[in-house]
Amino acid sequence: MTKPAFAHKLRLGSLALIGIGLLPLSATAQEDQANGTSFVENFDSISRSFWYVSDGWNNGPHQNCTWSKKQVGLDKGVLQLDFTQGKTGERDYACGEIQTTKRYGYGTYEARIKAATGSGLNSAFFTYIGPTDKKPHDEIDFEVLGKNTGEVQVNQYIKAKGGNEKLVPVAGGADQGFNDYAFVWEKDRLRYYLNGKLVQDVTDPSKIPTHAQKIFFSLWGTDTLGNWMGKFAYSAPARMEIDRVAFTAQGDPCQFPESIACTLN
């Protein structure tokens, strides 16, 4: 099942799609929109000027948890996003999400992640922009679906059009240890990497986003999207962990030895 275009992105539960496809794409869209620069985040702290912590709403009936700042924490330089049982707003579960306050354009995006365990859960590292930011819906995804943590789904949306999914095996399981997920986004090419290996190479311009986007990490669940994420069956709290995230703007030098940006021509 293809993920709904609105899934886990529209804040305050709004499904208002006004403006999708109405804003013109231009060659200077990146310069007009991107306001973030290269960074490496090792999560020694959570800067509220850099990160926005989602709190107090859900994204619609497909999501069975409410975003809660209580489900976002740090432990020895590792960001922890939790999913747990407990009445929170309209939902019986609470879950965690953070997003950057700035938007980023062409360059290399990298994160070191241990996914959560549990059918019906989604451990996501992605970039997104959309109607809530008065822009068309563009998106680039890594998502570990709880029904099978032995693989990760890569995908991208252009003006709310998806259908570009590919499932990539994760040796040993995405929830059994940390893995390195990266994508290199250029005007005419989008490459996805898993643990340093190229796993998807997109060169069709119609399938490459053009609008600068925010960076997200989220852990959420569903009672209704079982075909896509697996049948939800809560047994214990679940946790997604992020050890590091980095963005290296196109043309900037690589920022740490393990970076994919160090190997690019």
Protein backbone atom coordinates (compact mmCIF):
# COMPACT_ATOMS: atom_id res chain seq x y z
CA MET A 1 0.00 0.00 0.00
CA THR A 2 1.29 3.43 -0.87
CA LYS A 3 1.45 5.80 2.05
CA PRO A 4 -1.17 8.57 1.99
CA ALA A 5 0.29 11.84 0.74
CA PHE A 6 -0.68 13.54 4.00
CA ALA A 7 0.71 10.90 6.35
CA HIS A 8 2.56 12.23 9.42
CA LYS A 9 3.28 15.61 7.88
CA LEU A 10 0.35 18.01 8.26
CA ARG A 11 0.54 19.80 11.58
CA LEU A 12 -2.44 20.31 13.88
CA GLY A 13 -4.16 17.43 12.12
CA SER A 14 -5.15 19.67 9.22
CA LEU A 15 -5.76 17.95 5.90
CA ALA A 16 -6.09 21.25 4.06
CA LEU A 17 -4.38 20.73 0.73
CA ILE A 18 -5.04 24.20 -0.59
CA GLY A 19 -2.16 25.38 -2.70
CA ILE A 20 -0.72 22.01 -3.73
CA GLY A 21 0.43 22.32 -7.30
CA LEU A 22 -0.51 26.00 -7.50
CA LEU A 23 2.90 27.40 -6.67
CA PRO A 24 5.24 27.59 -9.67
CA LEU A 25 8.50 25.68 -9.67
CA SER A 26 11.45 27.79 -10.68
CA ALA A 27 15.14 27.32 -11.29
CA THR A 28 15.83 29.57 -8.30
CA ALA A 29 13.47 27.78 -5.92
CA GLN A 30 16.39 26.45 -3.85
CA GLU A 31 17.96 29.88 -3.40
CA ASP A 32 14.60 31.41 -2.54
CA GLN A 33 13.68 28.88 0.14
CA ALA A 34 16.74 27.30 1.78
CA ASN A 35 17.88 29.12 4.90
CA GLY A 36 19.80 26.31 6.62
CA THR A 37 23.53 25.72 6.25
CA SER A 38 25.81 22.71 6.73
CA PHE A 39 25.75 21.18 10.22
CA VAL A 40 26.55 18.10 12.27
CA GLU A 41 24.23 17.37 15.20
CA ASN A 42 25.55 14.95 17.83
CA PHE A 43 22.61 15.51 20.21
CA ASP A 44 24.54 16.69 23.24
CA SER A 45 21.47 18.88 23.74
CA ILE A 46 18.29 19.84 21.90
CA SER A 47 18.47 23.47 20.85
CA ARG A 48 14.93 24.84 20.60
CA SER A 49 16.12 27.46 18.11
CA PHE A 50 17.35 24.66 15.84
CA TRP A 51 14.76 21.95 16.56
CA TYR A 52 10.99 22.19 16.90
CA VAL A 53 9.52 19.46 19.13
CA SER A 54 6.03 18.40 18.04
CA ASP A 55 3.57 18.43 20.95
CA GLY A 56 -0.16 18.23 21.52
CA TRP A 57 -1.73 17.08 18.25
CA ASN A 58 -1.95 14.21 15.78
CA ASN A 59 -1.89 14.18 12.00
CA GLY A 60 -5.27 12.64 11.39
CA PRO A 61 -7.30 9.44 11.84
CA HIS A 62 -4.55 7.25 10.36
CA GLN A 63 -2.29 8.06 13.36
CA ASN A 64 -3.12 6.36 16.66
CA CYS A 65 -0.85 8.48 18.86
CA THR A 66 -0.53 12.13 19.87
CA TRP A 67 2.79 13.93 19.46
CA SER A 68 4.18 14.60 22.92
CA LYS A 69 7.31 16.43 24.00
CA LYS A 70 7.51 13.94 26.87
CA GLN A 71 8.38 11.27 24.31
CA VAL A 72 11.48 13.16 23.12
CA GLY A 73 14.63 12.81 25.18
CA LEU A 74 18.41 12.50 25.22
CA ASP A 75 20.78 9.94 26.73
CA LYS A 76 24.56 10.23 26.35
CA GLY A 77 24.40 11.96 22.99
CA VAL A 78 21.58 9.87 21.55
CA LEU A 79 18.17 11.30 20.67
CA GLN A 80 15.33 9.06 21.85
CA LEU A 81 11.85 9.12 20.35
CA ASP A 82 9.37 6.96 22.25
CA PHE A 83 6.00 5.38 21.58
CA THR A 84 4.04 4.47 24.70
CA GLN A 85 0.57 3.71 25.97
CA GLY A 86 -1.33 6.39 27.86
CA LYS A 87 -4.29 8.61 27.13
CA THR A 88 -2.94 11.72 25.43
CA GLY A 89 -5.46 14.10 23.91
CA GLU A 90 -7.72 12.17 21.54
CA ARG A 91 -5.45 9.13 21.38
CA ASP A 92 -4.59 6.20 23.64
CA TYR A 93 -0.88 6.43 22.80
CA ALA A 94 1.83 9.09 22.82
CA CYS A 95 4.72 9.38 20.34
CA GLY A 96 7.70 11.59 19.52
CA GLU A 97 8.77 13.81 16.64
CA ILE A 98 11.26 16.62 16.03
CA GLN A 99 11.83 18.81 12.98
CA THR A 100 14.32 21.50 12.07
CA THR A 101 13.20 25.09 12.23
CA LYS A 102 15.11 25.85 9.01
CA ARG A 103 14.84 24.53 5.47
CA TYR A 104 17.63 22.83 3.55
CA GLY A 105 18.32 22.45 -0.14
CA TYR A 106 20.64 20.44 -2.37
CA GLY A 107 23.32 18.49 -0.54
CA THR A 108 24.01 15.37 1.50
CA TYR A 109 21.68 14.31 4.34
CA GLU A 110 22.87 11.63 6.76
CA ALA A 111 21.59 10.02 9.96
CA ARG A 112 22.72 7.14 12.17
CA ILE A 113 19.58 5.41 13.45
CA LYS A 114 18.32 2.42 15.39
CA ALA A 115 14.67 1.84 14.47
CA ALA A 116 11.90 0.92 16.88
CA THR A 117 10.51 -2.61 17.16
CA GLY A 118 6.79 -3.26 16.76
CA SER A 119 4.26 -4.05 14.05
CA GLY A 120 2.19 -1.02 13.12
CA LEU A 121 4.97 1.46 13.92
CA ASN A 122 6.93 3.73 11.57
CA SER A 123 10.48 4.93 12.33
CA ALA A 124 11.05 7.77 9.89
CA PHE A 125 13.94 10.01 8.80
CA PHE A 126 12.76 12.35 6.08
CA THR A 127 12.65 15.84 4.66
CA TYR A 128 9.38 17.60 3.94
CA ILE A 129 7.77 20.86 2.92
CA GLY A 130 4.10 21.43 2.16
CA PRO A 131 0.91 23.47 2.39
CA THR A 132 1.40 24.31 6.07
CA ASP A 133 4.53 26.19 4.93
CA LYS A 134 2.66 27.64 1.92
CA LYS A 135 4.62 25.42 -0.47
CA PRO A 136 3.81 22.38 -2.62
CA HIS A 137 4.28 18.98 -0.94
CA ASP A 138 7.85 17.81 -1.63
CA GLU A 139 9.39 15.00 0.44
CA ILE A 140 12.31 12.54 0.62
CA ASP A 141 11.95 9.49 2.88
CA PHE A 142 13.63 6.70 4.77
CA GLU A 143 10.99 4.72 6.68
CA VAL A 144 11.34 1.49 8.64
CA LEU A 145 7.91 -0.13 8.80
CA GLY A 146 7.29 -2.20 11.90
CA LYS A 147 5.83 -5.16 10.04
CA ASN A 148 9.33 -5.94 8.71
CA THR A 149 12.33 -4.23 10.29
CA GLY A 150 14.60 -6.24 8.02
CA GLU A 151 14.13 -3.59 5.35
CA VAL A 152 13.78 0.16 4.90
CA GLN A 153 11.50 1.93 2.41
CA VAL A 154 12.89 4.81 0.37
CA ASN A 155 10.52 7.15 -1.44
CA GLN A 156 10.04 10.71 -2.60
CA TYR A 157 7.08 12.97 -3.33
CA ILE A 158 6.94 15.78 -5.89
CA LYS A 159 3.96 18.14 -5.60
CA ALA A 160 2.20 15.47 -3.47
CA LYS A 161 2.78 12.72 -6.07
CA GLY A 162 4.54 9.65 -4.71
CA GLY A 163 4.60 6.11 -6.02
CA ASN A 164 8.41 5.92 -6.00
CA GLU A 165 8.77 3.37 -3.20
CA LYS A 166 11.62 0.87 -3.04
CA LEU A 167 12.24 -1.62 -0.23
CA VAL A 168 15.91 -2.13 0.66
CA PRO A 169 17.14 -5.00 2.90
CA VAL A 170 18.84 -4.00 6.14
CA ALA A 171 21.29 -6.71 7.18
CA GLY A 172 20.68 -7.88 10.72
CA GLY A 173 17.52 -5.79 11.09
CA ALA A 174 17.05 -2.02 11.36
CA ASP A 175 15.91 -2.38 14.99
CA GLN A 176 18.86 -4.49 16.16
CA GLY A 177 21.58 -1.86 15.93
CA PHE A 178 22.54 1.49 14.42
CA ASN A 179 22.64 1.88 10.65
CA ASP A 180 23.71 4.80 8.48
CA TYR A 181 21.05 6.24 6.17
CA ALA A 182 21.94 8.97 3.67
CA PHE A 183 20.69 10.64 0.54
CA VAL A 184 22.43 13.00 -1.84
CA TRP A 185 19.99 15.46 -3.39
CA GLU A 186 21.03 17.34 -6.51
CA LYS A 187 19.07 19.20 -9.18
CA ASP A 188 19.29 16.32 -11.67
CA ARG A 189 19.96 13.34 -9.39
CA LEU A 190 18.81 11.82 -6.09
CA ARG A 191 20.85 8.98 -4.57
CA TYR A 192 19.96 6.92 -1.49
CA TYR A 193 22.62 5.13 0.57
CA LEU A 194 22.47 2.48 3.30
CA ASN A 195 25.63 1.91 5.34
CA GLY A 196 27.69 3.55 2.62
CA LYS A 197 26.22 1.50 -0.25
CA LEU A 198 24.21 3.08 -3.07
CA VAL A 199 20.74 1.47 -3.00
CA GLN A 200 18.65 3.77 -5.22
CA ASP A 201 19.65 6.20 -7.98
CA VAL A 202 16.98 8.54 -9.38
CA THR A 203 17.81 10.55 -12.51
CA ASP A 204 14.35 11.33 -13.88
CA PRO A 205 13.87 15.10 -13.21
CA SER A 206 10.12 14.60 -12.80
CA LYS A 207 10.82 12.37 -9.78
CA ILE A 208 13.22 14.72 -7.99
CA PRO A 209 11.92 17.34 -5.51
CA THR A 210 12.90 20.96 -6.12
CA HIS A 211 11.75 22.81 -2.98
CA ALA A 212 13.91 23.27 0.12
CA GLN A 213 12.65 21.19 3.03
CA LYS A 214 12.80 20.71 6.80
CA ILE A 215 14.44 17.63 8.33
CA PHE A 216 12.24 15.36 10.46
CA PHE A 217 12.59 12.35 12.74
CA SER A 218 9.41 10.68 13.94
CA LEU A 219 8.09 7.51 15.52
CA TRP A 220 4.36 6.94 15.18
CA GLY A 221 1.76 4.18 14.90
CA THR A 222 -1.46 3.30 13.12
CA ASP A 223 -4.57 1.21 13.60
CA THR A 224 -5.76 1.69 10.01
CA LEU A 225 -2.75 1.31 7.66
CA GLY A 226 -2.06 -2.32 8.46
CA ASN A 227 -1.34 -3.38 4.88
CA TRP A 228 1.47 -0.84 4.71
CA MET A 229 2.88 -0.75 8.26
CA GLY A 230 1.64 -4.02 9.70
CA LYS A 231 -1.17 -4.84 12.11
CA PHE A 232 -0.78 -2.79 15.29
CA ALA A 233 -0.48 -4.82 18.48
CA TYR A 234 0.88 -2.95 21.50
CA SER A 235 2.85 -5.01 24.01
CA ALA A 236 5.45 -2.61 25.44
CA PRO A 237 6.91 0.88 24.91
CA ALA A 238 9.02 1.23 21.75
CA ARG A 239 11.98 3.51 21.05
CA MET A 240 13.69 4.96 17.99
CA GLU A 241 17.26 6.23 18.58
CA ILE A 242 19.27 8.73 16.53
CA ASP A 243 23.00 8.99 17.22
CA ARG A 244 23.83 11.68 14.67
CA VAL A 245 22.36 13.72 11.84
CA ALA A 246 24.23 15.91 9.38
CA PHE A 247 23.61 18.07 6.36
CA THR A 248 26.43 19.04 4.01
CA ALA A 249 25.39 21.67 1.49
CA GLN A 250 26.31 21.01 -2.12
CA GLY A 251 29.84 22.31 -2.70
CA ASP A 252 30.83 22.33 0.99
CA PRO A 253 33.63 20.06 2.28
CA CYS A 254 32.67 16.87 4.12
CA GLN A 255 32.34 17.32 7.87
CA PHE A 256 33.28 13.97 9.45
CA PRO A 257 35.34 11.00 8.21
CA GLU A 258 32.41 8.59 7.80
CA SER A 259 30.37 11.03 5.72
CA ILE A 260 29.17 9.98 2.28
CA ALA A 261 30.06 13.53 1.22
CA CYS A 262 33.76 12.61 1.62
CA THR A 263 33.45 10.00 -1.13
CA LEU A 264 31.57 12.03 -3.73
CA ASN A 265 33.29 13.41 -6.80
